Amino acid sequence: MGTAALWLAQAFFLKTTHRSERKVILVTKPTKLQEKACERLADALLTITEAARLDGKGTFNASDLDEVAARLVKASSAFDLDAIVAKALETRGRALGRRAGTAELLMLLEGDLKPLSMLLLPDDVFNERMNALDAELGEL
């Protein structure tokens, strides 16, 4: 997902949490350093989930990933969790040979698995989900 698309998504989507934790997102273009920070945070999610997939026998699950992500997003003042997850999904999709736009499709997908949890899927299952989604969209 391009930086402009992330910025636009952020500009029009204000995620509110508990009233005491509301975060005001200023509609300004992120700096290059903030963009780099977003990439690093996405890479951190990718590294953690890849380690969990490679080990295969650990007990790290989706709820653990939710906790890590909730803490990780605090490191960014310019990007919310959805933007960081979208960047991570896009990077993973590209690494698996998927076309650009993987993140947009997965972020819009309604189903039993949250976009963040998709980072825990083995490569073949991730690709199967993408193939099924491509086939479904091809029928429209």
C-alpha atoms as a PDB file:
ATOM      1  CA  MET A   1       0.000   0.000   0.000  1.00  0.00           C
ATOM      2  CA  GLY A   2       1.455   3.319  -0.965  1.00  0.00           C
ATOM      3  CA  THR A   3       2.199   6.019   1.537  1.00  0.00           C
ATOM      4  CA  ALA A   4      -0.438   8.277   0.014  1.00  0.00           C
ATOM      5  CA  ALA A   5      -3.063   5.547   0.395  1.00  0.00           C
ATOM      6  CA  LEU A   6      -2.057   4.977   4.022  1.00  0.00           C
ATOM      7  CA  TRP A   7      -2.217   8.702   4.671  1.00  0.00           C
ATOM      8  CA  LEU A   8      -5.659   9.004   3.075  1.00  0.00           C
ATOM      9  CA  ALA A   9      -6.967   6.003   4.983  1.00  0.00           C
ATOM     10  CA  GLN A  10      -5.709   7.558   8.176  1.00  0.00           C
ATOM     11  CA  ALA A  11      -7.098  10.979   7.337  1.00  0.00           C
ATOM     12  CA  PHE A  12     -10.622   9.671   6.904  1.00  0.00           C
ATOM     13  CA  PHE A  13     -10.624   6.994   9.584  1.00  0.00           C
ATOM     14  CA  LEU A  14     -10.437   8.100  13.186  1.00  0.00           C
ATOM     15  CA  LYS A  15     -10.356   5.119  15.425  1.00  0.00           C
ATOM     16  CA  THR A  16     -11.753   5.956  18.827  1.00  0.00           C
ATOM     17  CA  THR A  17     -11.104   3.910  21.881  1.00  0.00           C
ATOM     18  CA  HIS A  18     -12.240   4.392  25.440  1.00  0.00           C
ATOM     19  CA  ARG A  19     -12.959   8.073  26.077  1.00  0.00           C
ATOM     20  CA  SER A  20      -9.939   8.393  28.335  1.00  0.00           C
ATOM     21  CA  GLU A  21      -7.673   7.050  25.595  1.00  0.00           C
ATOM     22  CA  ARG A  22      -8.975   8.932  22.561  1.00  0.00           C
ATOM     23  CA  LYS A  23      -6.239   9.758  20.150  1.00  0.00           C
ATOM     24  CA  VAL A  24      -6.595  12.817  17.976  1.00  0.00           C
ATOM     25  CA  ILE A  25      -5.100  12.241  14.556  1.00  0.00           C
ATOM     26  CA  LEU A  26      -4.006  15.402  12.847  1.00  0.00           C
ATOM     27  CA  VAL A  27      -4.618  15.394   9.137  1.00  0.00           C
ATOM     28  CA  THR A  28      -1.086  16.177   8.070  1.00  0.00           C
ATOM     29  CA  LYS A  29       1.189  14.236   5.813  1.00  0.00           C
ATOM     30  CA  PRO A  30       3.589  12.038   7.805  1.00  0.00           C
ATOM     31  CA  THR A  31       7.248  12.965   7.672  1.00  0.00           C
ATOM     32  CA  LYS A  32       9.760  10.676   5.986  1.00  0.00           C
ATOM     33  CA  LEU A  33      11.015   9.614   9.408  1.00  0.00           C
ATOM     34  CA  GLN A  34       7.467   8.772  10.517  1.00  0.00           C
ATOM     35  CA  GLU A  35       6.993   6.735   7.331  1.00  0.00           C
ATOM     36  CA  LYS A  36      10.248   4.910   8.051  1.00  0.00           C
ATOM     37  CA  ALA A  37       9.061   4.282  11.613  1.00  0.00           C
ATOM     38  CA  CYS A  38       5.834   2.761  10.242  1.00  0.00           C
ATOM     39  CA  GLU A  39       7.888   0.454   8.015  1.00  0.00           C
ATOM     40  CA  ARG A  40      10.025  -0.594  10.988  1.00  0.00           C
ATOM     41  CA  LEU A  41       6.947  -1.307  13.113  1.00  0.00           C
ATOM     42  CA  ALA A  42       5.447  -3.365  10.276  1.00  0.00           C
ATOM     43  CA  ASP A  43       8.773  -5.203   9.987  1.00  0.00           C
ATOM     44  CA  ALA A  44       8.666  -5.893  13.733  1.00  0.00           C
ATOM     45  CA  LEU A  45       5.238  -7.525  13.360  1.00  0.00           C
ATOM     46  CA  LEU A  46       6.531  -9.529  10.400  1.00  0.00           C
ATOM     47  CA  THR A  47       9.620 -10.677  12.301  1.00  0.00           C
ATOM     48  CA  ILE A  48       7.626 -11.785  15.348  1.00  0.00           C
ATOM     49  CA  THR A  49       5.017 -13.653  13.314  1.00  0.00           C
ATOM     50  CA  GLU A  50       7.654 -15.252  11.092  1.00  0.00           C
ATOM     51  CA  ALA A  51       9.489 -16.507  14.178  1.00  0.00           C
ATOM     52  CA  ALA A  52       6.243 -17.988  15.509  1.00  0.00           C
ATOM     53  CA  ARG A  53       5.564 -19.689  12.149  1.00  0.00           C
ATOM     54  CA  LEU A  54       9.129 -21.015  11.834  1.00  0.00           C
ATOM     55  CA  ASP A  55       9.141 -22.496  15.324  1.00  0.00           C
ATOM     56  CA  GLY A  56       5.766 -24.100  14.760  1.00  0.00           C
ATOM     57  CA  LYS A  57       5.487 -25.513  18.271  1.00  0.00           C
ATOM     58  CA  GLY A  58       5.399 -22.352  20.344  1.00  0.00           C
ATOM     59  CA  THR A  59       2.279 -21.160  22.099  1.00  0.00           C
ATOM     60  CA  PHE A  60       2.246 -17.678  20.552  1.00  0.00           C
ATOM     61  CA  ASN A  61      -1.286 -17.128  19.222  1.00  0.00           C
ATOM     62  CA  ALA A  62      -3.573 -14.407  17.868  1.00  0.00           C
ATOM     63  CA  SER A  63      -4.375 -12.969  21.300  1.00  0.00           C
ATOM     64  CA  ASP A  64      -0.655 -12.715  22.077  1.00  0.00           C
ATOM     65  CA  LEU A  65      -0.153 -10.914  18.770  1.00  0.00           C
ATOM     66  CA  ASP A  66      -3.000  -8.527  19.643  1.00  0.00           C
ATOM     67  CA  GLU A  67      -1.204  -7.636  22.891  1.00  0.00           C
ATOM     68  CA  VAL A  68       2.121  -7.093  21.129  1.00  0.00           C
ATOM     69  CA  ALA A  69       0.487  -4.953  18.440  1.00  0.00           C
ATOM     70  CA  ALA A  70      -1.363  -2.843  21.016  1.00  0.00           C
ATOM     71  CA  ARG A  71       1.942  -1.997  22.670  1.00  0.00           C
ATOM     72  CA  LEU A  72       3.817  -1.584  19.411  1.00  0.00           C
ATOM     73  CA  VAL A  73       1.395   1.003  18.005  1.00  0.00           C
ATOM     74  CA  LYS A  74       2.194   3.292  20.936  1.00  0.00           C
ATOM     75  CA  ALA A  75       5.566   3.928  19.290  1.00  0.00           C
ATOM     76  CA  SER A  76       3.905   5.796  16.415  1.00  0.00           C
ATOM     77  CA  SER A  77       2.312   9.208  16.580  1.00  0.00           C
ATOM     78  CA  ALA A  78       1.484   9.292  12.868  1.00  0.00           C
ATOM     79  CA  PHE A  79       0.100   5.833  12.080  1.00  0.00           C
ATOM     80  CA  ASP A  80      -2.574   3.743  13.737  1.00  0.00           C
ATOM     81  CA  LEU A  81      -2.578  -0.042  14.049  1.00  0.00           C
ATOM     82  CA  ASP A  82      -4.601  -0.544  10.865  1.00  0.00           C
ATOM     83  CA  ALA A  83      -2.005   1.348   8.824  1.00  0.00           C
ATOM     84  CA  ILE A  84       0.877  -0.622  10.347  1.00  0.00           C
ATOM     85  CA  VAL A  85      -0.904  -3.955   9.792  1.00  0.00           C
ATOM     86  CA  ALA A  86      -1.727  -2.952   6.209  1.00  0.00           C
ATOM     87  CA  LYS A  87       1.956  -2.207   5.585  1.00  0.00           C
ATOM     88  CA  ALA A  88       2.949  -5.569   7.102  1.00  0.00           C
ATOM     89  CA  LEU A  89       0.375  -7.455   4.995  1.00  0.00           C
ATOM     90  CA  GLU A  90       1.493  -5.665   1.847  1.00  0.00           C
ATOM     91  CA  THR A  91       5.140  -6.498   2.554  1.00  0.00           C
ATOM     92  CA  ARG A  92       4.328 -10.146   3.248  1.00  0.00           C
ATOM     93  CA  GLY A  93       2.176 -10.411   0.150  1.00  0.00           C
ATOM     94  CA  ARG A  94       4.926  -8.950  -2.023  1.00  0.00           C
ATOM     95  CA  ALA A  95       7.486 -11.331  -0.482  1.00  0.00           C
ATOM     96  CA  LEU A  96       5.213 -14.231  -1.470  1.00  0.00           C
ATOM     97  CA  GLY A  97       4.937 -12.957  -5.032  1.00  0.00           C
ATOM     98  CA  ARG A  98       1.481 -11.429  -4.705  1.00  0.00           C
ATOM     99  CA  ARG A  99       0.528  -8.369  -6.707  1.00  0.00           C
ATOM    100  CA  ALA A 100       0.374  -4.898  -5.215  1.00  0.00           C
ATOM    101  CA  GLY A 101      -2.874  -4.246  -3.393  1.00  0.00           C
ATOM    102  CA  THR A 102      -2.797  -7.384  -1.264  1.00  0.00           C
ATOM    103  CA  ALA A 103      -3.228  -5.343   1.896  1.00  0.00           C
ATOM    104  CA  GLU A 104      -6.271  -3.472   0.626  1.00  0.00           C
ATOM    105  CA  LEU A 105      -8.018  -6.737  -0.211  1.00  0.00           C
ATOM    106  CA  LEU A 106      -7.195  -8.356   3.108  1.00  0.00           C
ATOM    107  CA  MET A 107      -8.137  -5.288   5.140  1.00  0.00           C
ATOM    108  CA  LEU A 108     -11.568  -5.224   3.465  1.00  0.00           C
ATOM    109  CA  LEU A 109     -12.124  -8.954   3.778  1.00  0.00           C
ATOM    110  CA  GLU A 110     -14.807  -9.876   6.255  1.00  0.00           C
ATOM    111  CA  GLY A 111     -14.360 -13.253   7.813  1.00  0.00           C
ATOM    112  CA  ASP A 112     -13.349 -15.330  10.747  1.00  0.00           C
ATOM    113  CA  LEU A 113      -9.797 -13.991  10.842  1.00  0.00           C
ATOM    114  CA  LYS A 114      -8.687 -10.429  11.560  1.00  0.00           C
ATOM    115  CA  PRO A 115      -6.080  -8.911   9.214  1.00  0.00           C
ATOM    116  CA  LEU A 116      -3.506  -8.874  12.037  1.00  0.00           C
ATOM    117  CA  SER A 117      -4.015 -12.601  12.654  1.00  0.00           C
ATOM    118  CA  MET A 118      -3.397 -13.325   8.974  1.00  0.00           C
ATOM    119  CA  LEU A 119       0.262 -12.593   9.628  1.00  0.00           C
ATOM    120  CA  LEU A 120       0.389 -15.819  11.662  1.00  0.00           C
ATOM    121  CA  LEU A 121      -0.859 -17.985   8.778  1.00  0.00           C
ATOM    122  CA  PRO A 122       1.649 -20.320   7.116  1.00  0.00           C
ATOM    123  CA  ASP A 123       2.690 -19.155   3.639  1.00  0.00           C
ATOM    124  CA  ASP A 124       0.633 -21.783   1.812  1.00  0.00           C
ATOM    125  CA  VAL A 125      -2.528 -20.966   3.790  1.00  0.00           C
ATOM    126  CA  PHE A 126      -1.961 -17.226   3.269  1.00  0.00           C
ATOM    127  CA  ASN A 127      -1.644 -17.815  -0.484  1.00  0.00           C
ATOM    128  CA  GLU A 128      -4.735 -20.064  -0.523  1.00  0.00           C
ATOM    129  CA  ARG A 129      -6.763 -17.292   1.120  1.00  0.00           C
ATOM    130  CA  MET A 130      -5.501 -14.804  -1.439  1.00  0.00           C
ATOM    131  CA  ASN A 131      -6.272 -17.175  -4.328  1.00  0.00           C
ATOM    132  CA  ALA A 132      -9.802 -17.730  -3.001  1.00  0.00           C
ATOM    133  CA  LEU A 133     -10.292 -13.989  -2.635  1.00  0.00           C
ATOM    134  CA  ASP A 134      -8.988 -13.356  -6.165  1.00  0.00           C
ATOM    135  CA  ALA A 135     -11.358 -16.015  -7.520  1.00  0.00           C
ATOM    136  CA  GLU A 136     -14.281 -14.548  -5.591  1.00  0.00           C
ATOM    137  CA  LEU A 137     -13.558 -11.049  -6.858  1.00  0.00           C
ATOM    138  CA  GLY A 138     -13.107 -12.366 -10.382  1.00  0.00           C
ATOM    139  CA  GLU A 139     -16.707 -13.577 -10.315  1.00  0.00           C
ATOM    140  CA  LEU A 140     -18.055 -10.100  -9.565  1.00  0.00           C
END
